[in-house]
Amino acid sequence: MDREQKIGQHYLQTGILGAYETAEVVHEETENGKTAPCFEDALVCFDTDQTTAQRSMVIEGRRFRICSVFPPQADSTPTDRLLKVIDAELKKEAHTA
Protein backbone atom coordinates (compact mmCIF):
# COMPACT_ATOMS: atom_id res chain seq x y z
CA MET A 1 0.00 0.00 0.00
CA ASP A 2 1.48 3.35 -1.00
CA ARG A 3 1.48 6.56 1.05
CA GLU A 4 -1.62 8.08 -0.60
CA GLN A 5 -3.60 4.90 0.01
CA LYS A 6 -2.54 4.88 3.68
CA ILE A 7 -3.61 8.52 4.04
CA GLY A 8 -6.95 7.73 2.40
CA GLN A 9 -7.45 4.66 4.59
CA HIS A 10 -6.64 6.68 7.74
CA TYR A 11 -9.17 9.35 6.71
CA LEU A 12 -11.89 6.77 6.11
CA GLN A 13 -11.25 5.11 9.48
CA THR A 14 -10.89 8.25 11.64
CA GLY A 15 -12.37 11.19 9.72
CA ILE A 16 -9.06 13.02 10.26
CA LEU A 17 -7.20 14.26 7.20
CA GLY A 18 -3.61 15.39 7.60
CA ALA A 19 -0.49 14.67 9.56
CA TYR A 20 -2.16 14.32 12.94
CA GLU A 21 -2.09 10.74 14.14
CA THR A 22 -4.29 9.64 17.01
CA ALA A 23 -2.52 8.06 19.96
CA GLU A 24 -3.54 4.82 21.59
CA VAL A 25 -4.81 4.57 25.16
CA VAL A 26 -2.01 2.89 27.12
CA HIS A 27 -4.07 2.30 30.26
CA GLU A 28 -6.83 3.85 32.36
CA GLU A 29 -5.86 5.37 35.68
CA THR A 30 -8.21 5.88 38.63
CA GLU A 31 -7.52 8.43 41.35
CA ASN A 32 -10.04 9.62 43.95
CA GLY A 33 -12.88 7.93 42.09
CA LYS A 34 -12.03 9.63 38.77
CA THR A 35 -10.97 7.57 35.79
CA ALA A 36 -8.84 9.08 33.04
CA PRO A 37 -7.52 7.45 29.88
CA CYS A 38 -3.73 7.70 29.69
CA PHE A 39 -2.45 8.13 26.14
CA GLU A 40 1.04 7.24 25.00
CA ASP A 41 1.76 10.89 24.15
CA ALA A 42 0.23 12.59 27.23
CA LEU A 43 0.91 13.00 30.94
CA VAL A 44 -1.99 13.28 33.40
CA CYS A 45 -1.31 14.54 36.94
CA PHE A 46 -3.92 14.31 39.69
CA ASP A 47 -3.66 16.84 42.52
CA THR A 48 -6.02 17.81 45.33
CA ASP A 49 -6.96 21.14 43.74
CA GLN A 50 -6.78 20.25 40.00
CA THR A 51 -6.13 17.61 37.38
CA THR A 52 -3.64 18.55 34.67
CA ALA A 53 -3.18 16.89 31.27
CA GLN A 54 -0.04 17.77 29.31
CA ARG A 55 0.61 16.84 25.72
CA SER A 56 3.10 17.69 23.00
CA MET A 57 1.94 17.61 19.37
CA VAL A 58 3.77 18.11 16.07
CA ILE A 59 1.57 19.46 13.28
CA GLU A 60 3.11 20.24 9.89
CA GLY A 61 6.56 20.41 11.45
CA ARG A 62 5.54 22.82 14.24
CA ARG A 63 5.56 21.69 17.88
CA PHE A 64 2.62 22.61 20.11
CA ARG A 65 2.49 22.03 23.85
CA ILE A 66 -1.03 21.66 25.21
CA CYS A 67 -1.88 21.86 28.90
CA SER A 68 -5.47 21.32 30.06
CA VAL A 69 -6.41 22.06 33.67
CA PHE A 70 -9.58 20.64 35.20
CA PRO A 71 -11.12 21.41 38.61
CA PRO A 72 -11.26 18.50 41.07
CA GLN A 73 -15.05 18.52 41.31
CA ALA A 74 -16.91 19.80 38.26
CA ASP A 75 -20.67 20.25 37.99
CA SER A 76 -20.53 19.31 34.31
CA THR A 77 -18.04 18.08 31.76
CA PRO A 78 -16.62 20.28 28.97
CA THR A 79 -18.77 18.25 26.54
CA ASP A 80 -21.90 19.04 28.57
CA ARG A 81 -21.06 22.75 28.47
CA LEU A 82 -20.41 22.65 24.72
CA LEU A 83 -23.77 20.94 24.13
CA LYS A 84 -25.50 23.68 26.16
CA VAL A 85 -23.87 26.35 23.98
CA ILE A 86 -24.94 24.52 20.81
CA ASP A 87 -28.52 24.13 22.11
CA ALA A 88 -28.66 27.84 23.01
CA GLU A 89 -27.45 28.79 19.52
CA LEU A 90 -30.04 26.51 17.90
CA LYS A 91 -32.83 28.05 20.01
CA LYS A 92 -31.59 31.52 19.13
CA GLU A 93 -31.61 30.66 15.40
CA ALA A 94 -35.12 29.16 15.68
CA HIS A 95 -36.45 32.41 17.21
CA THR A 96 -34.86 34.61 14.54
CA ALA A 97 -35.93 32.45 11.59
PDB file of N, CA and C in Angstrom:
ATOM      1  N   MET A   1       0.847  -1.174   0.000  1.00  0.00           N
ATOM      2  CA  MET A   1       0.000   0.000   0.000  1.00  0.00           C
ATOM      3  C   MET A   1       0.895   1.241   0.000  1.00  0.00           C
ATOM      4  N   ASP A   2       0.647   2.159  -0.939  1.00  0.00           N
ATOM      5  CA  ASP A   2       1.484   3.351  -1.003  1.00  0.00           C
ATOM      6  C   ASP A   2       0.996   4.422  -0.019  1.00  0.00           C
ATOM      7  N   ARG A   3       1.754   5.506   0.061  1.00  0.00           N
ATOM      8  CA  ARG A   3       1.482   6.565   1.054  1.00  0.00           C
ATOM      9  C   ARG A   3       0.090   7.169   0.879  1.00  0.00           C
ATOM     10  N   GLU A   4      -0.310   7.475  -0.345  1.00  0.00           N
ATOM     11  CA  GLU A   4      -1.616   8.079  -0.598  1.00  0.00           C
ATOM     12  C   GLU A   4      -2.752   7.148  -0.175  1.00  0.00           C
ATOM     13  N   GLN A   5      -2.579   5.858  -0.406  1.00  0.00           N
ATOM     14  CA  GLN A   5      -3.596   4.900   0.013  1.00  0.00           C
ATOM     15  C   GLN A   5      -3.684   4.835   1.535  1.00  0.00           C
ATOM     16  N   LYS A   6      -2.536   4.891   2.213  1.00  0.00           N
ATOM     17  CA  LYS A   6      -2.538   4.882   3.675  1.00  0.00           C
ATOM     18  C   LYS A   6      -3.238   6.122   4.225  1.00  0.00           C
ATOM     19  N   ILE A   7      -2.974   7.281   3.611  1.00  0.00           N
ATOM     20  CA  ILE A   7      -3.612   8.519   4.040  1.00  0.00           C
ATOM     21  C   ILE A   7      -5.122   8.414   3.838  1.00  0.00           C
ATOM     22  N   GLY A   8      -5.529   7.900   2.682  1.00  0.00           N
ATOM     23  CA  GLY A   8      -6.951   7.730   2.400  1.00  0.00           C
ATOM     24  C   GLY A   8      -7.600   6.760   3.363  1.00  0.00           C
ATOM     25  N   GLN A   9      -6.933   5.673   3.650  1.00  0.00           N
ATOM     26  CA  GLN A   9      -7.447   4.658   4.590  1.00  0.00           C
ATOM     27  C   GLN A   9      -7.598   5.268   5.988  1.00  0.00           C
ATOM     28  N   HIS A  10      -6.590   6.037   6.424  1.00  0.00           N
ATOM     29  CA  HIS A  10      -6.644   6.682   7.737  1.00  0.00           C
ATOM     30  C   HIS A  10      -7.828   7.645   7.806  1.00  0.00           C
ATOM     31  N   TYR A  11      -8.049   8.409   6.737  1.00  0.00           N
ATOM     32  CA  TYR A  11      -9.172   9.354   6.713  1.00  0.00           C
ATOM     33  C   TYR A  11     -10.505   8.616   6.806  1.00  0.00           C
ATOM     34  N   LEU A  12     -10.651   7.528   6.076  1.00  0.00           N
ATOM     35  CA  LEU A  12     -11.894   6.767   6.115  1.00  0.00           C
ATOM     36  C   LEU A  12     -12.147   6.154   7.488  1.00  0.00           C
ATOM     37  N   GLN A  13     -11.100   5.745   8.173  1.00  0.00           N
ATOM     38  CA  GLN A  13     -11.252   5.112   9.483  1.00  0.00           C
ATOM     39  C   GLN A  13     -11.472   6.123  10.608  1.00  0.00           C
ATOM     40  N   THR A  14     -10.857   7.311  10.519  1.00  0.00           N
ATOM     41  CA  THR A  14     -10.892   8.251  11.640  1.00  0.00           C
ATOM     42  C   THR A  14     -11.617   9.554  11.343  1.00  0.00           C
ATOM     43  N   GLY A  15     -11.782   9.898  10.064  1.00  0.00           N
ATOM     44  CA  GLY A  15     -12.365  11.189   9.720  1.00  0.00           C
ATOM     45  C   GLY A  15     -11.373  12.329   9.846  1.00  0.00           C
ATOM     46  N   ILE A  16     -10.098  12.010  10.100  1.00  0.00           N
ATOM     47  CA  ILE A  16      -9.056  13.024  10.262  1.00  0.00           C
ATOM     48  C   ILE A  16      -8.170  12.996   9.027  1.00  0.00           C
ATOM     49  N   LEU A  17      -8.043  14.163   8.384  1.00  0.00           N
ATOM     50  CA  LEU A  17      -7.197  14.257   7.203  1.00  0.00           C
ATOM     51  C   LEU A  17      -5.992  15.118   7.548  1.00  0.00           C
ATOM     52  N   GLY A  18      -4.811  14.615   7.320  1.00  0.00           N
ATOM     53  CA  GLY A  18      -3.610  15.391   7.597  1.00  0.00           C
ATOM     54  C   GLY A  18      -2.596  14.593   8.375  1.00  0.00           C
ATOM     55  N   ALA A  19      -1.618  15.310   8.906  1.00  0.00           N
ATOM     56  CA  ALA A  19      -0.486  14.665   9.555  1.00  0.00           C
ATOM     57  C   ALA A  19      -0.778  14.221  10.978  1.00  0.00           C
ATOM     58  N   TYR A  20      -1.870  14.676  11.557  1.00  0.00           N
ATOM     59  CA  TYR A  20      -2.157  14.324  12.945  1.00  0.00           C
ATOM     60  C   TYR A  20      -2.511  12.851  13.049  1.00  0.00           C
ATOM     61  N   GLU A  21      -1.827  12.159  13.900  1.00  0.00           N
ATOM     62  CA  GLU A  21      -2.092  10.742  14.143  1.00  0.00           C
ATOM     63  C   GLU A  21      -2.636  10.587  15.554  1.00  0.00           C
ATOM     64  N   THR A  22      -3.713   9.846  15.678  1.00  0.00           N
ATOM     65  CA  THR A  22      -4.286   9.641  17.008  1.00  0.00           C
ATOM     66  C   THR A  22      -3.411   8.682  17.796  1.00  0.00           C
ATOM     67  N   ALA A  23      -3.331   8.906  19.092  1.00  0.00           N
ATOM     68  CA  ALA A  23      -2.522   8.058  19.965  1.00  0.00           C
ATOM     69  C   ALA A  23      -3.409   7.007  20.613  1.00  0.00           C
ATOM     70  N   GLU A  24      -2.819   5.908  20.948  1.00  0.00           N
ATOM     71  CA  GLU A  24      -3.538   4.819  21.595  1.00  0.00           C
ATOM     72  C   GLU A  24      -3.611   5.046  23.099  1.00  0.00           C
ATOM     73  N   VAL A  25      -4.692   4.543  23.710  1.00  0.00           N
ATOM     74  CA  VAL A  25      -4.805   4.567  25.165  1.00  0.00           C
ATOM     75  C   VAL A  25      -3.904   3.468  25.706  1.00  0.00           C
ATOM     76  N   VAL A  26      -2.945   3.853  26.551  1.00  0.00           N
ATOM     77  CA  VAL A  26      -2.012   2.893  27.118  1.00  0.00           C
ATOM     78  C   VAL A  26      -2.677   2.144  28.265  1.00  0.00           C
ATOM     79  N   HIS A  27      -3.326   2.891  29.154  1.00  0.00           N
ATOM     80  CA  HIS A  27      -4.075   2.300  30.264  1.00  0.00           C
ATOM     81  C   HIS A  27      -5.021   3.349  30.835  1.00  0.00           C
ATOM     82  N   GLU A  28      -5.938   2.919  31.681  1.00  0.00           N
ATOM     83  CA  GLU A  28      -6.831   3.852  32.359  1.00  0.00           C
ATOM     84  C   GLU A  28      -6.395   3.941  33.814  1.00  0.00           C
ATOM     85  N   GLU A  29      -6.324   5.151  34.319  1.00  0.00           N
ATOM     86  CA  GLU A  29      -5.863   5.372  35.680  1.00  0.00           C
ATOM     87  C   GLU A  29      -7.005   5.928  36.517  1.00  0.00           C
ATOM     88  N   THR A  30      -7.165   5.410  37.728  1.00  0.00           N
ATOM     89  CA  THR A  30      -8.215   5.882  38.630  1.00  0.00           C
ATOM     90  C   THR A  30      -7.583   6.495  39.861  1.00  0.00           C
ATOM     91  N   GLU A  31      -8.022   7.709  40.176  1.00  0.00           N
ATOM     92  CA  GLU A  31      -7.520   8.429  41.345  1.00  0.00           C
ATOM     93  C   GLU A  31      -8.692   9.178  41.960  1.00  0.00           C
ATOM     94  N   ASN A  32      -8.942   8.966  43.238  1.00  0.00           N
ATOM     95  CA  ASN A  32     -10.045   9.616  43.954  1.00  0.00           C
ATOM     96  C   ASN A  32     -11.390   9.417  43.258  1.00  0.00           C
ATOM     97  N   GLY A  33     -11.609   8.232  42.747  1.00  0.00           N
ATOM     98  CA  GLY A  33     -12.882   7.928  42.095  1.00  0.00           C
ATOM     99  C   GLY A  33     -13.014   8.442  40.678  1.00  0.00           C
ATOM    100  N   LYS A  34     -11.986   9.122  40.147  1.00  0.00           N
ATOM    101  CA  LYS A  34     -12.027   9.632  38.775  1.00  0.00           C
ATOM    102  C   LYS A  34     -11.172   8.733  37.891  1.00  0.00           C
ATOM    103  N   THR A  35     -11.713   8.396  36.737  1.00  0.00           N
ATOM    104  CA  THR A  35     -10.965   7.571  35.791  1.00  0.00           C
ATOM    105  C   THR A  35     -10.575   8.427  34.592  1.00  0.00           C
ATOM    106  N   ALA A  36      -9.331   8.319  34.183  1.00  0.00           N
ATOM    107  CA  ALA A  36      -8.835   9.080  33.036  1.00  0.00           C
ATOM    108  C   ALA A  36      -8.068   8.152  32.120  1.00  0.00           C
ATOM    109  N   PRO A  37      -8.340   8.231  30.803  1.00  0.00           N
ATOM    110  CA  PRO A  37      -7.524   7.451  29.877  1.00  0.00           C
ATOM    111  C   PRO A  37      -6.130   8.056  29.782  1.00  0.00           C
ATOM    112  N   CYS A  38      -5.112   7.235  29.808  1.00  0.00           N
ATOM    113  CA  CYS A  38      -3.729   7.698  29.693  1.00  0.00           C
ATOM    114  C   CYS A  38      -3.218   7.321  28.307  1.00  0.00           C
ATOM    115  N   PHE A  39      -2.912   8.330  27.506  1.00  0.00           N
ATOM    116  CA  PHE A  39      -2.452   8.132  26.141  1.00  0.00           C
ATOM    117  C   PHE A  39      -0.934   8.041  26.115  1.00  0.00           C
ATOM    118  N   GLU A  40      -0.410   7.417  25.090  1.00  0.00           N
ATOM    119  CA  GLU A  40       1.038   7.240  25.003  1.00  0.00           C
ATOM    120  C   GLU A  40       1.775   8.557  24.821  1.00  0.00           C
ATOM    121  N   ASP A  41       1.082   9.614  24.380  1.00  0.00           N
ATOM    122  CA  ASP A  41       1.759  10.894  24.153  1.00  0.00           C
ATOM    123  C   ASP A  41       1.292  11.987  25.116  1.00  0.00           C
ATOM    124  N   ALA A  42       0.727  11.598  26.285  1.00  0.00           N
ATOM    125  CA  ALA A  42       0.227  12.591  27.234  1.00  0.00           C
ATOM    126  C   ALA A  42       0.600  12.197  28.660  1.00  0.00           C
ATOM    127  N   LEU A  43       0.644  13.209  29.520  1.00  0.00           N
ATOM    128  CA  LEU A  43       0.913  13.000  30.942  1.00  0.00           C
ATOM    129  C   LEU A  43      -0.248  13.602  31.715  1.00  0.00           C
ATOM    130  N   VAL A  44      -0.888  12.800  32.576  1.00  0.00           N
ATOM    131  CA  VAL A  44      -1.994  13.282  33.400  1.00  0.00           C
ATOM    132  C   VAL A  44      -1.546  13.267  34.849  1.00  0.00           C
ATOM    133  N   CYS A  45      -1.696  14.417  35.538  1.00  0.00           N
ATOM    134  CA  CYS A  45      -1.306  14.544  36.938  1.00  0.00           C
ATOM    135  C   CYS A  45      -2.537  14.896  37.767  1.00  0.00           C
ATOM    136  N   PHE A  46      -2.810  14.068  38.768  1.00  0.00           N
ATOM    137  CA  PHE A  46      -3.916  14.315  39.688  1.00  0.00           C
ATOM    138  C   PHE A  46      -3.381  15.025  40.913  1.00  0.00           C
ATOM    139  N   ASP A  47      -4.028  16.106  41.320  1.00  0.00           N
ATOM    140  CA  ASP A  47      -3.658  16.837  42.521  1.00  0.00           C
ATOM    141  C   ASP A  47      -4.943  17.109  43.302  1.00  0.00           C
ATOM    142  N   THR A  48      -4.820  17.578  44.521  1.00  0.00           N
ATOM    143  CA  THR A  48      -6.020  17.812  45.332  1.00  0.00           C
ATOM    144  C   THR A  48      -6.846  18.983  44.820  1.00  0.00           C
ATOM    145  N   ASP A  49      -6.214  19.976  44.197  1.00  0.00           N
ATOM    146  CA  ASP A  49      -6.956  21.142  43.737  1.00  0.00           C
ATOM    147  C   ASP A  49      -7.162  21.203  42.224  1.00  0.00           C
ATOM    148  N   GLN A  50      -6.580  20.270  41.464  1.00  0.00           N
ATOM    149  CA  GLN A  50      -6.780  20.249  40.004  1.00  0.00           C
ATOM    150  C   GLN A  50      -6.224  18.977  39.392  1.00  0.00           C
ATOM    151  N   THR A  51      -6.692  18.685  38.192  1.00  0.00           N
ATOM    152  CA  THR A  51      -6.134  17.613  37.375  1.00  0.00           C
ATOM    153  C   THR A  51      -5.553  18.268  36.134  1.00  0.00           C
ATOM    154  N   THR A  52      -4.323  17.930  35.794  1.00  0.00           N
ATOM    155  CA  THR A  52      -3.638  18.551  34.667  1.00  0.00           C
ATOM    156  C   THR A  52      -3.270  17.490  33.636  1.00  0.00           C
ATOM    157  N   ALA A  53      -3.579  17.767  32.376  1.00  0.00           N
ATOM    158  CA  ALA A  53      -3.181  16.893  31.269  1.00  0.00           C
ATOM    159  C   ALA A  53      -2.224  17.678  30.379  1.00  0.00           C
ATOM    160  N   GLN A  54      -1.047  17.120  30.134  1.00  0.00           N
ATOM    161  CA  GLN A  54      -0.036  17.772  29.308  1.00  0.00           C
ATOM    162  C   GLN A  54       0.252  16.905  28.093  1.00  0.00           C
ATOM    163  N   ARG A  55       0.383  17.568  26.954  1.00  0.00           N
ATOM    164  CA  ARG A  55       0.610  16.838  25.716  1.00  0.00           C
ATOM    165  C   ARG A  55       1.451  17.674  24.764  1.00  0.00           C
ATOM    166  N   SER A  56       2.289  17.022  24.010  1.00  0.00           N
ATOM    167  CA  SER A  56       3.097  17.687  22.997  1.00  0.00           C
ATOM    168  C   SER A  56       2.685  17.134  21.638  1.00  0.00           C
ATOM    169  N   MET A  57       2.382  18.031  20.701  1.00  0.00           N
ATOM    170  CA  MET A  57       1.941  17.606  19.372  1.00  0.00           C
ATOM    171  C   MET A  57       2.813  18.263  18.308  1.00  0.00           C
ATOM    172  N   VAL A  58       3.067  17.547  17.218  1.00  0.00           N
ATOM    173  CA  VAL A  58       3.767  18.109  16.073  1.00  0.00           C
ATOM    174  C   VAL A  58       2.801  18.106  14.903  1.00  0.00           C
ATOM    175  N   ILE A  59       2.491  19.312  14.401  1.00  0.00           N
ATOM    176  CA  ILE A  59       1.568  19.457  13.281  1.00  0.00           C
ATOM    177  C   ILE A  59       2.281  20.242  12.197  1.00  0.00           C
ATOM    178  N   GLU A  60       2.415  19.632  11.030  1.00  0.00           N
ATOM    179  CA  GLU A  60       3.108  20.235   9.889  1.00  0.00           C
ATOM    180  C   GLU A  60       4.466  20.797  10.288  1.00  0.00           C
ATOM    181  N   GLY A  61       5.213  20.035  11.075  1.00  0.00           N
ATOM    182  CA  GLY A  61       6.557  20.414  11.453  1.00  0.00           C
ATOM    183  C   GLY A  61       6.657  21.398  12.605  1.00  0.00           C
ATOM    184  N   ARG A  62       5.533  21.876  13.128  1.00  0.00           N
ATOM    185  CA  ARG A  62       5.540  22.818  14.243  1.00  0.00           C
ATOM    186  C   ARG A  62       5.123  22.095  15.515  1.00  0.00           C
ATOM    187  N   ARG A  63       5.845  22.339  16.603  1.00  0.00           N
ATOM    188  CA  ARG A  63       5.559  21.693  17.881  1.00  0.00           C
ATOM    189  C   ARG A  63       4.626  22.572  18.709  1.00  0.00           C
ATOM    190  N   PHE A  64       3.581  21.950  19.232  1.00  0.00           N
ATOM    191  CA  PHE A  64       2.624  22.613  20.113  1.00  0.00           C
ATOM    192  C   PHE A  64       2.601  21.877  21.438  1.00  0.00           C
ATOM    193  N   ARG A  65       2.619  22.624  22.523  1.00  0.00           N
ATOM    194  CA  ARG A  65       2.490  22.031  23.854  1.00  0.00           C
ATOM    195  C   ARG A  65       1.135  22.439  24.402  1.00  0.00           C
ATOM    196  N   ILE A  66       0.323  21.443  24.737  1.00  0.00           N
ATOM    197  CA  ILE A  66      -1.032  21.663  25.207  1.00  0.00           C
ATOM    198  C   ILE A  66      -1.098  21.290  26.683  1.00  0.00           C
ATOM    199  N   CYS A  67      -1.681  22.146  27.484  1.00  0.00           N
ATOM    200  CA  CYS A  67      -1.882  21.862  28.904  1.00  0.00           C
ATOM    201  C   CYS A  67      -3.337  22.164  29.237  1.00  0.00           C
ATOM    202  N   SER A  68      -4.077  21.158  29.665  1.00  0.00           N
ATOM    203  CA  SER A  68      -5.474  21.321  30.060  1.00  0.00           C
ATOM    204  C   SER A  68      -5.551  21.159  31.571  1.00  0.00           C
ATOM    205  N   VAL A  69      -6.265  22.090  32.217  1.00  0.00           N
ATOM    206  CA  VAL A  69      -6.410  22.060  33.671  1.00  0.00           C
ATOM    207  C   VAL A  69      -7.893  21.916  34.002  1.00  0.00           C
ATOM    208  N   PHE A  70      -8.202  20.929  34.830  1.00  0.00           N
ATOM    209  CA  PHE A  70      -9.580  20.644  35.200  1.00  0.00           C
ATOM    210  C   PHE A  70      -9.744  20.777  36.709  1.00  0.00           C
ATOM    211  N   PRO A  71     -10.883  21.329  37.166  1.00  0.00           N
ATOM    212  CA  PRO A  71     -11.119  21.407  38.612  1.00  0.00           C
ATOM    213  C   PRO A  71     -11.348  20.010  39.182  1.00  0.00           C
ATOM    214  N   PRO A  72     -11.108  19.839  40.490  1.00  0.00           N
ATOM    215  CA  PRO A  72     -11.258  18.497  41.073  1.00  0.00           C
ATOM    216  C   PRO A  72     -12.702  18.005  41.072  1.00  0.00           C
ATOM    217  N   GLN A  73     -13.644  18.884  41.315  1.00  0.00           N
ATOM    218  CA  GLN A  73     -15.055  18.523  41.309  1.00  0.00           C
ATOM    219  C   GLN A  73     -15.781  19.466  40.364  1.00  0.00           C
ATOM    220  N   ALA A  74     -16.221  18.964  39.241  1.00  0.00           N
ATOM    221  CA  ALA A  74     -16.912  19.797  38.264  1.00  0.00           C
ATOM    222  C   ALA A  74     -18.397  19.445  38.243  1.00  0.00           C
ATOM    223  N   ASP A  75     -19.228  20.473  38.078  1.00  0.00           N
ATOM    224  CA  ASP A  75     -20.669  20.251  37.987  1.00  0.00           C
ATOM    225  C   ASP A  75     -21.041  19.592  36.663  1.00  0.00           C
ATOM    226  N   SER A  76     -20.263  19.893  35.622  1.00  0.00           N
ATOM    227  CA  SER A  76     -20.525  19.307  34.311  1.00  0.00           C
ATOM    228  C   SER A  76     -19.209  19.151  33.568  1.00  0.00           C
ATOM    229  N   THR A  77     -19.233  18.318  32.559  1.00  0.00           N
ATOM    230  CA  THR A  77     -18.036  18.085  31.760  1.00  0.00           C
ATOM    231  C   THR A  77     -17.923  19.162  30.680  1.00  0.00           C
ATOM    232  N   PRO A  78     -16.739  19.341  30.089  1.00  0.00           N
ATOM    233  CA  PRO A  78     -16.625  20.279  28.968  1.00  0.00           C
ATOM    234  C   PRO A  78     -17.588  19.936  27.824  1.00  0.00           C
ATOM    235  N   THR A  79     -17.830  18.658  27.598  1.00  0.00           N
ATOM    236  CA  THR A  79     -18.768  18.253  26.542  1.00  0.00           C
ATOM    237  C   THR A  79     -20.177  18.714  26.882  1.00  0.00           C
ATOM    238  N   ASP A  80     -20.584  18.562  28.157  1.00  0.00           N
ATOM    239  CA  ASP A  80     -21.905  19.038  28.572  1.00  0.00           C
ATOM    240  C   ASP A  80     -22.047  20.537  28.329  1.00  0.00           C
ATOM    241  N   ARG A  81     -21.013  21.293  28.662  1.00  0.00           N
ATOM    242  CA  ARG A  81     -21.058  22.745  28.466  1.00  0.00           C
ATOM    243  C   ARG A  81     -21.134  23.104  26.979  1.00  0.00           C
ATOM    244  N   LEU A  82     -20.373  22.396  26.158  1.00  0.00           N
ATOM    245  CA  LEU A  82     -20.406  22.649  24.719  1.00  0.00           C
ATOM    246  C   LEU A  82     -21.794  22.360  24.148  1.00  0.00           C
ATOM    247  N   LEU A  83     -22.415  21.271  24.593  1.00  0.00           N
ATOM    248  CA  LEU A  83     -23.766  20.939  24.125  1.00  0.00           C
ATOM    249  C   LEU A  83     -24.771  22.014  24.540  1.00  0.00           C
ATOM    250  N   LYS A  84     -24.617  22.593  25.723  1.00  0.00           N
ATOM    251  CA  LYS A  84     -25.503  23.676  26.156  1.00  0.00           C
ATOM    252  C   LYS A  84     -25.355  24.893  25.252  1.00  0.00           C
ATOM    253  N   VAL A  85     -24.107  25.213  24.880  1.00  0.00           N
ATOM    254  CA  VAL A  85     -23.870  26.347  23.979  1.00  0.00           C
ATOM    255  C   VAL A  85     -24.511  26.081  22.618  1.00  0.00           C
ATOM    256  N   ILE A  86     -24.347  24.872  22.102  1.00  0.00           N
ATOM    257  CA  ILE A  86     -24.938  24.522  20.805  1.00  0.00           C
ATOM    258  C   ILE A  86     -26.455  24.604  20.877  1.00  0.00           C
ATOM    259  N   ASP A  87     -27.059  24.063  21.942  1.00  0.00           N
ATOM    260  CA  ASP A  87     -28.518  24.129  22.107  1.00  0.00           C
ATOM    261  C   ASP A  87     -28.999  25.569  22.175  1.00  0.00           C
ATOM    262  N   ALA A  88     -28.274  26.423  22.903  1.00  0.00           N
ATOM    263  CA  ALA A  88     -28.658  27.835  23.011  1.00  0.00           C
ATOM    264  C   ALA A  88     -28.597  28.515  21.647  1.00  0.00           C
ATOM    265  N   GLU A  89     -27.563  28.206  20.863  1.00  0.00           N
ATOM    266  CA  GLU A  89     -27.448  28.789  19.516  1.00  0.00           C
ATOM    267  C   GLU A  89     -28.584  28.318  18.616  1.00  0.00           C
ATOM    268  N   LEU A  90     -28.943  27.034  18.714  1.00  0.00           N
ATOM    269  CA  LEU A  90     -30.038  26.511  17.897  1.00  0.00           C
ATOM    270  C   LEU A  90     -31.369  27.163  18.277  1.00  0.00           C
ATOM    271  N   LYS A  91     -31.604  27.358  19.565  1.00  0.00           N
ATOM    272  CA  LYS A  91     -32.832  28.045  20.010  1.00  0.00           C
ATOM    273  C   LYS A  91     -32.852  29.469  19.514  1.00  0.00           C
ATOM    274  N   LYS A  92     -31.704  30.139  19.578  1.00  0.00           N
ATOM    275  CA  LYS A  92     -31.591  31.522  19.128  1.00  0.00           C
ATOM    276  C   LYS A  92     -31.904  31.617  17.630  1.00  0.00           C
ATOM    277  N   GLU A  93     -31.352  30.672  16.852  1.00  0.00           N
ATOM    278  CA  GLU A  93     -31.608  30.659  15.401  1.00  0.00           C
ATOM    279  C   GLU A  93     -33.077  30.379  15.101  1.00  0.00           C
ATOM    280  N   ALA A  94     -33.717  29.506  15.890  1.00  0.00           N
ATOM    281  CA  ALA A  94     -35.120  29.162  15.679  1.00  0.00           C
ATOM    282  C   ALA A  94     -36.016  30.382  15.923  1.00  0.00           C
ATOM    283  N   HIS A  95     -35.645  31.230  16.910  1.00  0.00           N
ATOM    284  CA  HIS A  95     -36.447  32.410  17.212  1.00  0.00           C
ATOM    285  C   HIS A  95     -36.267  33.500  16.169  1.00  0.00           C
ATOM    286  N   THR A  96     -35.109  33.558  15.534  1.00  0.00           N
ATOM    287  CA  THR A  96     -34.857  34.607  14.542  1.00  0.00           C
ATOM    288  C   THR A  96     -35.301  34.201  13.149  1.00  0.00           C
ATOM    289  N   ALA A  97     -35.543  32.920  12.933  1.00  0.00           N
ATOM    290  CA  ALA A  97     -35.929  32.453  11.587  1.00  0.00           C
ATOM    291  C   ALA A  97     -37.394  32.658  11.303  1.00  0.00           C
TER     292      ALA A  97
END
